[in-house]
Amino acid sequence: MSVIKQENTDKSQQKHYPVFVIEDTQGRRVISLDKNIYSLGRSPTNSIILNSKLVSRHHATLLRVTNSESKSYSFQIIDGDLQGNHSTNGLIINSKPCLSKLLQDQDLIYFGSDVRAKYFVSSHNLLDEETLGNLQFDNPLIDPLETFVTNDIPLETFSEEALVRLASFPELLPIPIIEIDIDGKITYLNPVANAELTNIYAVNLEHPVLAGLLVEVKNNNQQFFRREIQIENTIFEQSVHYIAESRLIRSYLIDITERKQAEAHIHQLNAELEKRVQERTQELLNSNTQLEAEITKRKQIELELRNTLAKEKELSELKSRFITMASHEFRTPLTTILGSAESLEHYSKKWSDEKKNIYLKRIQETVKYMTTMLDDVLLMGKIEAGKLEFNPKPLLLEKIFGELVEEMRLSNSKHHLLKFINHSKCGYALLDEKLLRQIIGNLISNAIKYSPSESTVNLTLADEDELIVFQVQDQGIGIPTEDQERLFEPFHRANNISNIPGTGLGLSIVKKSVEAYGGQIIVESEINVGTKITVKLPLKEATEPEKIIPEWQPRK
């Protein structure tokens, strides 16, 4: 049996069988190299065990390399393991220190002084004893004292394409790897690509794997990109790398057929789910709309119920206040009337006419006071029931205000100084005389009631931006800050009024009357200094009183 030298010839169909003849401390043995990768060293975990203490635990690595054109293969030997760890002694190949070499027939490798191997390429698969005997080493083992150190020894010169290819170990990957040069010539196919892409050499650049690659690399100057291609019923994701240094284009194919089918199925499921979600969402929206309408209706009912309860509570409190007020405020005048009437009954025959008139006048004033209180209560009832009448007519402002001040002067028993100051330039205006009298009468009455005798009470009238503005200012006891917030509540009275009589309805009536006009009331007060109340009412001037027709109504 002869040993043939490995060559790149046209005899690509002839099978070659690489073998390794190893000689170490245990003798000689022949190993047929039929796997993709081998590890060599003295550790029992290696594929090929080298029996010598001078050899590293993981001394070298053999990698299978396929020739894309001849479809034959050889082996690259690398110093150390695949993690980049070098051996202690290094490799001596054909008397030269090396870190890596693509083995050729008859290459002699020394791993140490007592371990060597020779690489042969046989044309027969089985090696008999005669063939084994013919596989001889030309030289004896090197002096055992010699040690090889390769830390500073450069790599044996070989093509950069081989270095790049070696770095990624394409022979070991279970996916097709195709490499072409910048001119479109196929330079490398790994074993998987050889097996699966059987017609790629025939169609070359028209093959789906290679179609358009050169254009994208040259025109777009892309170093790396991905694309999807389909070969018959199989879909691949093609990762394309342009290696500028060696002007090579390398492609990796990953079968993504199942993934694409799964994506299509997921897309279909998503579409169906989206449709169901939209339908369900619409149902929920419809339900939510109905629910919101129901909630709104219930809230409205609840609000109305709360308002009703609040009004009922307010009415109940008003009744309690009214009863308290009536029992207190009516008792004193009734006692006065009863006492005066009994005195007249028993002593009228003995009294002079002058004394009788005093008691009669007392009865009359008391009855008038009670009538005023009842009128206030009845008016407040109308206001609360929304039955307050509003009948505006032309009134001469200066005249009506002057008359009201004069009436209050005549009824003033404490001799207060009432001053009317008119800054208004308005003549006639549409006003409800009854409501106006209620407002001014109550304000001046309160100013007199809660001010010291002979003090000054001012009523000022003015115009301001289509408003009638009047103020009543006194020098009275003032209103405490804590009472000012509740000042306009019916029957509420400040805590500093002492024994001054009153119903607590005056300012409530004023506030409601002002609101009927759509106006505003402002209170400023300081204890023991006085109170100033400002009222602003909309001004509607009138020039011909006899032809005036009311154009507006009070705010409800």
Protein backbone atom coordinates (compact mmCIF):
# COMPACT_ATOMS: atom_id res chain seq x y z
CA MET A 1 0.00 0.00 0.00
CA SER A 2 1.47 3.37 -1.00
CA VAL A 3 1.25 6.73 0.74
CA ILE A 4 0.20 9.55 -1.60
CA LYS A 5 0.97 13.23 -1.23
CA GLN A 6 -2.03 15.53 -0.76
CA GLU A 7 -2.42 17.79 -3.84
CA ASN A 8 -5.05 20.03 -5.38
CA THR A 9 -5.55 18.16 -8.69
CA ASP A 10 -8.44 17.24 -10.91
CA LYS A 11 -8.72 13.87 -9.18
CA SER A 12 -11.33 15.34 -6.83
CA GLN A 13 -13.39 12.20 -6.82
CA GLN A 14 -10.57 10.06 -5.33
CA LYS A 15 -10.91 9.56 -1.58
CA HIS A 16 -8.02 10.43 0.72
CA TYR A 17 -7.66 9.13 4.27
CA PRO A 18 -5.47 11.24 6.62
CA VAL A 19 -3.69 9.30 9.36
CA PHE A 20 -1.50 10.24 12.29
CA VAL A 21 1.45 8.01 13.32
CA ILE A 22 2.44 8.79 16.91
CA GLU A 23 5.59 7.63 18.69
CA ASP A 24 5.88 8.22 22.44
CA THR A 25 7.07 6.41 25.58
CA GLN A 26 4.44 3.68 24.99
CA GLY A 27 5.58 2.94 21.45
CA ARG A 28 4.12 3.59 18.04
CA ARG A 29 0.44 3.70 17.04
CA VAL A 30 -1.59 4.79 14.01
CA ILE A 31 -4.73 6.93 14.30
CA SER A 32 -7.18 7.41 11.40
CA LEU A 33 -8.35 11.05 11.39
CA ASP A 34 -12.06 10.92 10.58
CA LYS A 35 -13.47 13.47 13.05
CA ASN A 36 -13.76 17.26 12.83
CA ILE A 37 -11.64 18.10 15.82
CA TYR A 38 -9.05 16.40 18.05
CA SER A 39 -7.31 17.53 21.21
CA LEU A 40 -3.80 16.21 21.97
CA GLY A 41 -1.98 16.12 25.32
CA ARG A 42 -1.06 14.00 28.31
CA SER A 43 -4.44 14.52 30.06
CA PRO A 44 -6.78 11.48 29.82
CA THR A 45 -9.55 13.84 28.68
CA ASN A 46 -7.87 14.45 25.31
CA SER A 47 -8.99 12.76 22.08
CA ILE A 48 -5.41 11.66 21.45
CA ILE A 49 -3.34 10.98 24.55
CA LEU A 50 0.41 11.69 24.35
CA ASN A 51 2.26 9.52 26.86
CA SER A 52 5.01 11.78 28.19
CA LYS A 53 5.58 13.94 31.25
CA LEU A 54 7.29 16.50 29.01
CA VAL A 55 4.05 17.19 27.13
CA SER A 56 1.46 19.73 28.31
CA ARG A 57 -1.93 18.55 29.57
CA HIS A 58 -3.58 20.12 26.51
CA HIS A 59 -0.73 20.47 24.09
CA ALA A 60 -2.31 20.94 20.65
CA THR A 61 -5.55 20.91 18.64
CA LEU A 62 -6.30 19.36 15.22
CA LEU A 63 -9.05 21.04 13.17
CA ARG A 64 -10.55 19.57 10.02
CA VAL A 65 -10.41 21.99 7.03
CA THR A 66 -12.35 21.36 3.81
CA ASN A 67 -11.13 22.36 0.35
CA SER A 68 -14.17 23.94 -1.39
CA GLU A 69 -13.00 23.12 -4.92
CA SER A 70 -11.70 19.55 -4.58
CA LYS A 71 -14.14 18.73 -1.75
CA SER A 72 -11.26 16.94 0.03
CA TYR A 73 -10.07 17.86 3.48
CA SER A 74 -6.95 18.15 5.54
CA PHE A 75 -6.11 19.15 9.12
CA GLN A 76 -4.79 22.35 10.70
CA ILE A 77 -2.71 21.83 13.82
CA ILE A 78 -2.74 24.62 16.45
CA ASP A 79 -0.49 24.94 19.48
CA GLY A 80 -2.49 24.82 22.74
CA ASP A 81 -6.25 24.56 23.28
CA LEU A 82 -9.19 26.40 21.68
CA GLN A 83 -9.28 28.87 24.58
CA GLY A 84 -5.95 30.34 23.45
CA ASN A 85 -3.72 28.69 26.08
CA HIS A 86 -0.32 27.69 24.57
CA SER A 87 1.63 24.58 25.46
CA THR A 88 4.84 24.65 27.50
CA ASN A 89 7.20 23.24 24.83
CA GLY A 90 5.34 24.38 21.69
CA LEU A 91 5.42 22.58 18.35
CA ILE A 92 8.39 21.77 16.05
CA ILE A 93 7.13 20.97 12.55
CA ASN A 94 9.65 19.94 9.92
CA SER A 95 12.41 21.33 12.18
CA LYS A 96 10.69 24.74 12.46
CA PRO A 97 8.94 26.16 15.55
CA CYS A 98 5.27 26.78 14.74
CA LEU A 99 2.09 27.90 16.44
CA SER A 100 -0.15 26.72 13.59
CA LYS A 101 0.18 24.90 10.26
CA LEU A 102 -2.04 23.33 7.61
CA LEU A 103 -0.59 19.82 7.54
CA GLN A 104 0.75 18.26 4.36
CA ASP A 105 1.64 14.62 3.64
CA GLN A 106 4.86 13.54 5.42
CA ASP A 107 4.86 16.50 7.89
CA LEU A 108 6.84 15.62 11.04
CA ILE A 109 5.65 17.14 14.35
CA TYR A 110 7.58 17.13 17.67
CA PHE A 111 5.56 17.74 20.86
CA GLY A 112 8.54 17.22 23.15
CA SER A 113 11.85 15.44 23.24
CA ASP A 114 10.22 12.00 23.58
CA VAL A 115 6.99 12.44 21.61
CA ARG A 116 6.65 12.89 17.88
CA ALA A 117 4.08 12.27 15.15
CA LYS A 118 4.01 12.04 11.39
CA TYR A 119 1.05 13.06 9.18
CA PHE A 120 0.26 10.80 6.19
CA VAL A 121 -2.49 10.80 3.59
CA SER A 122 -3.46 7.24 2.63
CA SER A 123 -5.46 6.09 -0.39
CA HIS A 124 -6.86 3.14 1.58
CA ASN A 125 -9.24 3.23 4.46
CA LEU A 126 -7.72 0.22 6.28
CA LEU A 127 -4.07 0.05 7.28
CA ASP A 128 -2.51 -3.44 7.42
CA GLU A 129 0.70 -4.50 9.13
CA GLU A 130 2.69 -4.09 5.92
CA THR A 131 1.49 -0.51 5.53
CA LEU A 132 2.20 0.19 9.19
CA GLY A 133 5.71 -1.10 8.73
CA ASN A 134 6.26 1.18 5.74
CA LEU A 135 5.29 4.26 7.78
CA GLN A 136 8.77 5.10 9.08
CA PHE A 137 10.33 8.15 10.72
CA ASP A 138 13.39 9.45 8.89
CA ASN A 139 15.21 10.72 11.99
CA PRO A 140 15.67 9.44 15.52
CA LEU A 141 14.09 11.28 18.47
CA ILE A 142 15.68 14.60 19.36
CA ASP A 143 17.99 14.83 22.41
CA PRO A 144 15.75 14.49 25.47
CA LEU A 145 17.50 17.44 27.14
CA GLU A 146 16.38 19.85 24.41
CA THR A 147 13.35 22.04 25.29
CA PHE A 148 11.32 24.07 22.84
CA VAL A 149 10.02 27.54 23.91
CA THR A 150 7.69 29.30 21.47
CA ASN A 151 6.57 32.44 23.31
CA ASP A 152 8.46 34.78 20.97
CA ILE A 153 8.35 32.67 17.79
CA PRO A 154 6.18 34.19 15.02
CA LEU A 155 3.49 32.26 13.20
CA GLU A 156 4.47 30.44 10.05
CA THR A 157 3.52 32.58 7.13
CA PHE A 158 0.27 31.57 5.45
CA SER A 159 -2.69 33.39 3.87
CA GLU A 160 -4.83 35.78 5.96
CA GLU A 161 -7.94 34.12 4.55
CA ALA A 162 -6.88 30.97 6.37
CA LEU A 163 -6.38 32.90 9.62
CA VAL A 164 -9.84 34.49 9.43
CA ARG A 165 -11.42 31.16 8.53
CA LEU A 166 -9.55 29.39 11.32
CA ALA A 167 -10.68 31.95 13.90
CA SER A 168 -14.34 31.00 13.56
CA PHE A 169 -13.87 27.22 13.09
CA PRO A 170 -16.42 26.98 10.26
CA GLU A 171 -15.79 23.26 9.85
CA LEU A 172 -17.40 22.67 13.23
CA LEU A 173 -20.55 24.73 12.75
CA PRO A 174 -23.74 22.79 11.87
CA ILE A 175 -24.95 25.54 9.50
CA PRO A 176 -24.04 26.29 5.85
CA ILE A 177 -21.13 28.75 5.48
CA ILE A 178 -20.32 30.16 2.04
CA GLU A 179 -17.43 32.39 1.14
CA ILE A 180 -16.88 34.27 -2.14
CA ASP A 181 -14.35 36.87 -3.21
CA ILE A 182 -15.19 40.35 -4.40
CA ASP A 183 -15.29 39.07 -8.01
CA GLY A 184 -17.98 36.52 -7.19
CA LYS A 185 -15.81 33.39 -7.20
CA ILE A 186 -16.68 30.77 -4.56
CA THR A 187 -13.63 30.41 -2.33
CA TYR A 188 -14.98 28.22 0.45
CA LEU A 189 -17.90 26.02 1.46
CA ASN A 190 -17.98 24.28 4.81
CA PRO A 191 -19.12 20.60 4.93
CA VAL A 192 -22.75 21.49 5.67
CA ALA A 193 -22.89 23.91 2.75
CA ASN A 194 -21.34 21.25 0.47
CA ALA A 195 -24.01 18.77 1.52
CA GLU A 196 -27.05 21.08 1.31
CA LEU A 197 -26.21 23.45 -1.56
CA THR A 198 -25.36 20.82 -4.18
CA ASN A 199 -26.00 23.03 -7.25
CA ILE A 200 -24.35 26.25 -6.05
CA TYR A 201 -21.31 25.80 -8.30
CA ALA A 202 -23.52 25.29 -11.32
CA VAL A 203 -25.65 28.44 -10.92
CA ASN A 204 -23.04 30.46 -8.98
CA LEU A 205 -24.21 34.07 -8.52
CA GLU A 206 -27.77 33.24 -9.63
CA HIS A 207 -28.20 30.98 -6.65
CA PRO A 208 -30.55 32.55 -4.02
CA VAL A 209 -27.70 32.49 -1.48
CA LEU A 210 -25.42 34.62 -3.69
CA ALA A 211 -27.92 36.67 -5.69
CA GLY A 212 -27.48 40.39 -5.07
CA LEU A 213 -24.66 40.06 -2.54
CA LEU A 214 -22.02 41.78 -4.63
CA VAL A 215 -24.37 44.66 -5.48
CA GLU A 216 -25.28 45.33 -1.85
CA VAL A 217 -21.67 45.14 -0.67
CA LYS A 218 -20.25 47.30 -3.48
CA ASN A 219 -23.03 49.89 -3.89
CA ASN A 220 -24.05 50.27 -0.23
CA ASN A 221 -20.59 49.79 1.25
CA GLN A 222 -22.06 47.59 3.97
CA GLN A 223 -19.69 45.63 6.20
CA PHE A 224 -22.51 43.58 7.71
CA PHE A 225 -26.18 43.05 7.01
CA ARG A 226 -28.89 40.42 7.30
CA ARG A 227 -31.53 39.33 4.86
CA GLU A 228 -34.04 36.53 4.39
CA ILE A 229 -33.90 34.15 1.42
CA GLN A 230 -36.00 31.17 0.40
CA ILE A 231 -34.68 28.00 -1.21
CA GLU A 232 -37.62 25.88 -2.32
CA ASN A 233 -39.73 25.49 0.87
CA THR A 234 -36.97 26.45 3.29
CA ILE A 235 -36.50 30.01 4.60
CA PHE A 236 -33.06 31.10 5.75
CA GLU A 237 -31.77 34.12 7.62
CA GLN A 238 -28.53 35.05 5.87
CA SER A 239 -25.90 36.96 7.85
CA VAL A 240 -23.41 38.56 5.45
CA HIS A 241 -19.95 39.78 6.54
CA TYR A 242 -17.62 41.66 4.23
CA ILE A 243 -13.99 41.10 5.27
CA ALA A 244 -12.29 44.13 3.74
CA GLU A 245 -8.75 43.01 4.57
CA SER A 246 -9.04 39.88 2.46
CA ARG A 247 -11.81 41.15 0.10
CA LEU A 248 -13.97 38.18 1.01
CA ILE A 249 -17.73 37.97 1.55
CA ARG A 250 -18.77 35.31 4.06
CA SER A 251 -22.38 34.20 4.57
CA TYR A 252 -23.93 32.18 7.39
CA LEU A 253 -27.30 30.53 6.79
CA ILE A 254 -29.68 29.75 9.63
CA ASP A 255 -32.85 27.82 8.89
CA ILE A 256 -35.72 29.93 10.22
CA THR A 257 -38.55 28.11 8.48
CA GLU A 258 -40.11 26.92 11.71
CA ARG A 259 -39.65 30.36 13.26
CA LYS A 260 -41.32 32.07 10.28
CA GLN A 261 -44.15 29.55 10.35
CA ALA A 262 -44.49 30.19 14.08
CA GLU A 263 -44.42 33.95 13.47
CA ALA A 264 -47.12 33.59 10.81
CA HIS A 265 -49.16 31.48 13.18
CA ILE A 266 -48.60 33.98 15.98
CA HIS A 267 -49.52 36.82 13.62
CA GLN A 268 -52.73 35.02 12.73
CA LEU A 269 -53.44 34.36 16.40
CA ASN A 270 -52.67 37.99 17.19
CA ALA A 271 -55.03 39.16 14.46
CA GLU A 272 -57.77 36.90 15.79
CA LEU A 273 -57.00 37.98 19.35
CA GLU A 274 -56.97 41.64 18.31
CA LYS A 275 -60.34 41.18 16.67
CA ARG A 276 -61.71 39.50 19.79
CA VAL A 277 -60.17 42.21 21.95
CA GLN A 278 -61.76 44.92 19.80
CA GLU A 279 -65.12 43.19 19.97
CA ARG A 280 -64.78 42.72 23.71
CA THR A 281 -63.55 46.28 24.12
CA GLN A 282 -66.57 47.56 22.23
CA GLU A 283 -68.83 45.46 24.44
CA LEU A 284 -67.08 46.84 27.51
CA LEU A 285 -67.37 50.38 26.16
CA ASN A 286 -71.08 49.89 25.61
CA SER A 287 -71.41 48.40 29.09
CA ASN A 288 -69.32 51.22 30.54
CA THR A 289 -71.48 53.80 28.76
CA GLN A 290 -74.60 52.24 30.21
CA LEU A 291 -72.93 51.92 33.59
CA GLU A 292 -71.74 55.52 33.52
CA ALA A 293 -75.23 56.67 32.61
CA GLU A 294 -76.62 54.62 35.47
CA ILE A 295 -73.96 55.93 37.85
CA THR A 296 -74.64 59.50 36.71
CA LYS A 297 -78.34 58.98 37.25
CA ARG A 298 -77.76 57.49 40.68
CA LYS A 299 -75.36 60.29 41.59
CA GLN A 300 -77.96 62.82 40.48
CA ILE A 301 -80.57 61.11 42.61
CA GLU A 302 -78.11 60.92 45.49
CA LEU A 303 -77.27 64.62 45.07
CA GLU A 304 -80.93 65.55 44.98
CA LEU A 305 -81.51 63.41 48.06
CA ARG A 306 -78.61 65.05 49.86
CA ASN A 307 -79.86 68.49 48.87
CA THR A 308 -83.31 67.56 50.06
CA LEU A 309 -81.92 66.24 53.34
CA ALA A 310 -79.75 69.33 53.71
CA LYS A 311 -82.74 71.54 53.05
CA GLU A 312 -84.83 69.55 55.48
CA LYS A 313 -82.08 69.89 58.06
CA GLU A 314 -81.81 73.60 57.36
CA LEU A 315 -85.57 74.00 57.67
CA SER A 316 -85.51 72.04 60.89
CA GLU A 317 -82.76 74.28 62.23
CA LEU A 318 -84.70 77.35 61.06
CA LYS A 319 -87.79 76.12 62.87
CA SER A 320 -85.77 75.58 66.02
CA ARG A 321 -84.24 79.02 65.72
CA PHE A 322 -87.62 80.57 65.00
CA ILE A 323 -89.16 78.92 68.05
CA THR A 324 -86.23 80.09 70.17
CA MET A 325 -86.45 83.59 68.71
CA ALA A 326 -90.23 83.79 69.01
CA SER A 327 -90.25 82.56 72.59
CA HIS A 328 -87.61 85.13 73.51
CA GLU A 329 -88.37 88.12 71.30
CA PHE A 330 -92.18 87.95 71.60
CA ARG A 331 -92.21 87.34 75.36
CA THR A 332 -90.84 90.79 76.30
CA PRO A 333 -93.20 92.85 74.10
CA LEU A 334 -96.20 90.72 75.07
CA THR A 335 -95.28 91.22 78.72
CA THR A 336 -95.06 94.95 78.05
CA ILE A 337 -98.47 94.99 76.35
CA LEU A 338 -100.05 92.87 79.09
CA GLY A 339 -98.58 94.95 81.88
CA SER A 340 -99.57 98.26 80.27
CA ALA A 341 -103.12 97.00 79.57
CA GLU A 342 -103.56 95.74 83.17
CA SER A 343 -102.28 99.06 84.55
CA LEU A 344 -104.75 100.96 82.39
CA GLU A 345 -107.52 98.62 83.50
CA HIS A 346 -106.85 99.07 87.22
CA TYR A 347 -105.57 102.66 87.45
CA SER A 348 -107.00 104.54 84.49
CA LYS A 349 -109.57 106.26 86.70
CA LYS A 350 -106.86 107.64 88.97
CA TRP A 351 -104.35 108.65 86.18
CA SER A 352 -104.23 111.77 84.21
CA ASP A 353 -104.81 111.75 80.45
CA GLU A 354 -101.09 112.38 79.90
CA LYS A 355 -100.05 109.29 81.86
CA LYS A 356 -102.72 107.20 80.13
CA ASN A 357 -101.33 108.30 76.74
CA ILE A 358 -97.85 107.18 77.78
CA TYR A 359 -99.07 103.63 78.44
CA LEU A 360 -101.20 103.61 75.30
CA LYS A 361 -98.21 104.78 73.22
CA ARG A 362 -96.07 102.06 74.78
CA ILE A 363 -98.66 99.47 73.75
CA GLN A 364 -98.78 100.88 70.21
CA GLU A 365 -94.97 100.92 69.79
CA THR A 366 -94.70 97.38 71.12
CA VAL A 367 -97.44 96.16 68.75
CA LYS A 368 -95.64 97.95 65.89
CA TYR A 369 -92.36 96.23 66.83
CA MET A 370 -94.08 92.84 66.91
CA THR A 371 -95.73 93.55 63.56
CA THR A 372 -92.30 94.38 62.07
CA MET A 373 -90.89 91.08 63.40
CA LEU A 374 -93.81 89.12 61.96
CA ASP A 375 -93.45 90.93 58.64
CA ASP A 376 -89.77 89.94 58.56
CA VAL A 377 -90.64 86.32 59.28
CA LEU A 378 -93.32 86.26 56.58
CA LEU A 379 -91.00 87.93 54.06
CA MET A 380 -88.27 85.41 54.85
CA GLY A 381 -90.76 82.62 54.27
CA LYS A 382 -91.62 84.04 50.85
CA ILE A 383 -87.94 84.34 50.00
CA GLU A 384 -87.20 80.73 51.04
CA ALA A 385 -90.23 79.56 49.01
CA GLY A 386 -89.00 81.47 45.93
CA LYS A 387 -92.09 83.69 45.93
CA LEU A 388 -90.34 87.01 46.37
CA GLU A 389 -92.05 89.56 44.11
CA PHE A 390 -89.96 91.89 41.97
CA ASN A 391 -91.69 94.90 40.42
CA PRO A 392 -89.18 97.47 39.10
CA LYS A 393 -90.38 100.93 38.17
CA PRO A 394 -88.73 104.31 37.56
CA LEU A 395 -87.56 105.86 40.81
CA LEU A 396 -85.65 109.10 41.35
CA LEU A 397 -82.65 107.88 43.30
CA GLU A 398 -81.90 111.00 45.35
CA LYS A 399 -85.59 111.37 46.29
CA ILE A 400 -86.15 107.74 47.40
CA PHE A 401 -82.91 107.60 49.39
CA GLY A 402 -83.63 110.99 51.00
CA GLU A 403 -87.14 109.90 52.00
CA LEU A 404 -85.83 106.68 53.57
CA VAL A 405 -83.24 108.57 55.62
CA GLU A 406 -85.86 111.08 56.77
CA GLU A 407 -88.24 108.29 57.83
CA MET A 408 -85.47 106.67 59.86
CA ARG A 409 -84.68 110.04 61.49
CA LEU A 410 -88.26 110.42 62.64
CA SER A 411 -88.37 106.92 64.17
CA ASN A 412 -84.93 107.27 65.78
CA SER A 413 -85.39 107.46 69.53
CA LYS A 414 -81.68 107.41 70.40
CA HIS A 415 -80.96 110.69 68.63
CA HIS A 416 -78.35 109.31 66.18
CA LEU A 417 -76.97 111.71 63.60
CA LEU A 418 -78.07 110.32 60.21
CA LYS A 419 -76.19 111.78 57.20
CA PHE A 420 -77.08 111.20 53.53
CA ILE A 421 -74.21 111.87 51.11
CA ASN A 422 -75.10 111.73 47.40
CA HIS A 423 -72.34 111.38 44.78
CA SER A 424 -74.62 109.83 42.15
CA LYS A 425 -75.23 111.59 38.85
CA CYS A 426 -78.09 109.25 37.95
CA GLY A 427 -81.62 110.56 37.83
CA TYR A 428 -84.30 107.94 37.34
CA ALA A 429 -83.54 104.21 37.56
CA LEU A 430 -85.58 101.02 37.36
CA LEU A 431 -85.88 99.79 40.93
CA ASP A 432 -88.32 97.83 43.09
CA GLU A 433 -89.20 100.36 45.79
CA LYS A 434 -90.37 97.72 48.27
CA LEU A 435 -87.16 95.69 48.05
CA LEU A 436 -85.03 98.86 48.13
CA ARG A 437 -86.79 99.98 51.31
CA GLN A 438 -86.19 96.52 52.83
CA ILE A 439 -82.47 96.73 52.05
CA ILE A 440 -81.84 100.33 53.20
CA GLY A 441 -84.29 100.15 56.09
CA ASN A 442 -82.70 97.03 57.58
CA LEU A 443 -79.13 98.35 57.13
CA ILE A 444 -79.87 101.74 58.77
CA SER A 445 -81.98 100.07 61.47
CA ASN A 446 -79.11 97.73 62.36
CA ALA A 447 -76.61 100.62 62.30
CA ILE A 448 -78.77 102.56 64.77
CA LYS A 449 -79.54 99.52 66.92
CA TYR A 450 -75.91 98.49 67.43
CA SER A 451 -74.40 102.00 67.73
CA PRO A 452 -74.14 104.26 70.80
CA SER A 453 -76.70 107.03 71.21
CA GLU A 454 -75.92 110.28 69.39
CA SER A 455 -73.27 108.57 67.20
CA THR A 456 -73.11 109.17 63.43
CA VAL A 457 -74.57 106.89 60.78
CA ASN A 458 -73.67 107.71 57.17
CA LEU A 459 -75.57 106.65 54.03
CA THR A 460 -73.51 107.28 50.87
CA LEU A 461 -74.87 106.93 47.30
CA ALA A 462 -72.64 106.74 44.18
CA ASP A 463 -72.35 105.34 40.62
CA GLU A 464 -69.69 102.83 39.53
CA ASP A 465 -69.46 101.14 36.10
CA GLU A 466 -73.23 100.84 35.48
CA LEU A 467 -73.82 100.01 39.14
CA ILE A 468 -75.66 101.76 41.93
CA VAL A 469 -73.36 101.68 44.95
CA PHE A 470 -74.52 102.69 48.43
CA GLN A 471 -72.86 102.26 51.82
CA VAL A 472 -74.16 102.35 55.38
CA GLN A 473 -71.41 103.04 57.91
CA ASP A 474 -71.79 103.24 61.70
CA GLN A 475 -69.61 103.68 64.77
CA GLY A 476 -71.07 100.74 66.61
CA ILE A 477 -69.94 97.62 68.45
CA GLY A 478 -68.73 95.86 65.31
CA ILE A 479 -69.11 92.21 64.27
CA PRO A 480 -66.68 89.53 65.57
CA THR A 481 -64.63 87.81 62.86
CA GLU A 482 -65.98 84.36 63.77
CA ASP A 483 -69.55 85.59 63.24
CA GLN A 484 -68.98 87.28 59.89
CA GLU A 485 -69.08 83.99 57.94
CA ARG A 486 -72.57 83.21 59.31
CA LEU A 487 -73.77 86.80 59.24
CA PHE A 488 -76.44 86.23 56.58
CA GLU A 489 -77.90 83.00 58.03
CA PRO A 490 -81.52 83.37 59.16
CA PHE A 491 -81.91 83.93 62.94
CA HIS A 492 -78.15 84.05 63.48
CA ARG A 493 -76.97 86.79 65.84
CA ALA A 494 -73.43 87.74 66.80
CA ASN A 495 -72.16 86.79 70.25
CA ASN A 496 -71.48 90.40 71.29
CA ILE A 497 -75.04 91.79 71.05
CA SER A 498 -75.71 91.33 74.78
CA ASN A 499 -79.41 92.13 75.48
CA ILE A 500 -80.08 94.13 72.32
CA PRO A 501 -83.39 92.80 70.93
CA GLY A 502 -83.65 91.46 67.36
CA THR A 503 -84.76 88.51 65.24
CA GLY A 504 -81.55 87.84 63.30
CA LEU A 505 -83.49 88.12 60.04
CA GLY A 506 -82.57 91.65 58.93
CA LEU A 507 -79.28 90.88 57.13
CA SER A 508 -80.68 87.62 55.71
CA ILE A 509 -83.51 89.63 54.10
CA VAL A 510 -80.98 92.19 52.84
CA LYS A 511 -78.80 89.46 51.28
CA LYS A 512 -81.74 87.75 49.56
CA SER A 513 -83.08 91.08 48.28
CA VAL A 514 -79.66 92.06 46.90
CA GLU A 515 -79.38 88.66 45.19
CA ALA A 516 -82.85 89.22 43.68
CA TYR A 517 -81.38 92.28 41.99
CA GLY A 518 -78.35 90.27 40.85
CA GLY A 519 -76.23 92.50 43.06
CA GLN A 520 -73.45 92.13 45.60
CA ILE A 521 -73.08 92.87 49.31
CA ILE A 522 -69.75 93.44 51.10
CA VAL A 523 -69.22 93.63 54.87
CA GLU A 524 -66.27 95.31 56.60
CA SER A 525 -66.28 95.43 60.38
CA GLU A 526 -63.99 95.95 63.36
CA ILE A 527 -64.89 95.38 67.02
CA ASN A 528 -65.67 98.65 68.91
CA VAL A 529 -64.85 100.71 65.78
CA GLY A 530 -67.87 100.13 63.57
CA THR A 531 -69.26 98.40 60.52
CA LYS A 532 -69.45 99.42 56.85
CA ILE A 533 -71.80 97.51 54.54
CA THR A 534 -71.54 98.16 50.80
CA VAL A 535 -74.30 97.17 48.36
CA LYS A 536 -73.86 97.13 44.57
CA LEU A 537 -76.95 96.88 42.34
CA PRO A 538 -77.17 96.84 38.52
CA LEU A 539 -78.06 100.33 37.23
CA LYS A 540 -80.84 100.53 34.65
CA GLU A 541 -81.44 104.21 33.97
CA ALA A 542 -84.91 105.53 33.01
CA THR A 543 -85.69 108.86 31.35
CA GLU A 544 -89.47 108.70 30.86
CA PRO A 545 -91.05 107.10 33.94
CA GLU A 546 -94.54 106.94 32.52
CA LYS A 547 -93.45 104.86 29.49
CA ILE A 548 -90.96 102.56 31.16
CA ILE A 549 -91.64 98.85 30.75
CA PRO A 550 -89.55 96.46 32.91
CA GLU A 551 -86.96 94.71 30.72
CA TRP A 552 -85.37 92.42 33.30
CA GLN A 553 -86.34 90.24 36.18
CA PRO A 554 -84.52 89.27 39.39
CA ARG A 555 -82.16 86.32 39.47
CA LYS A 556 -83.90 83.21 40.79
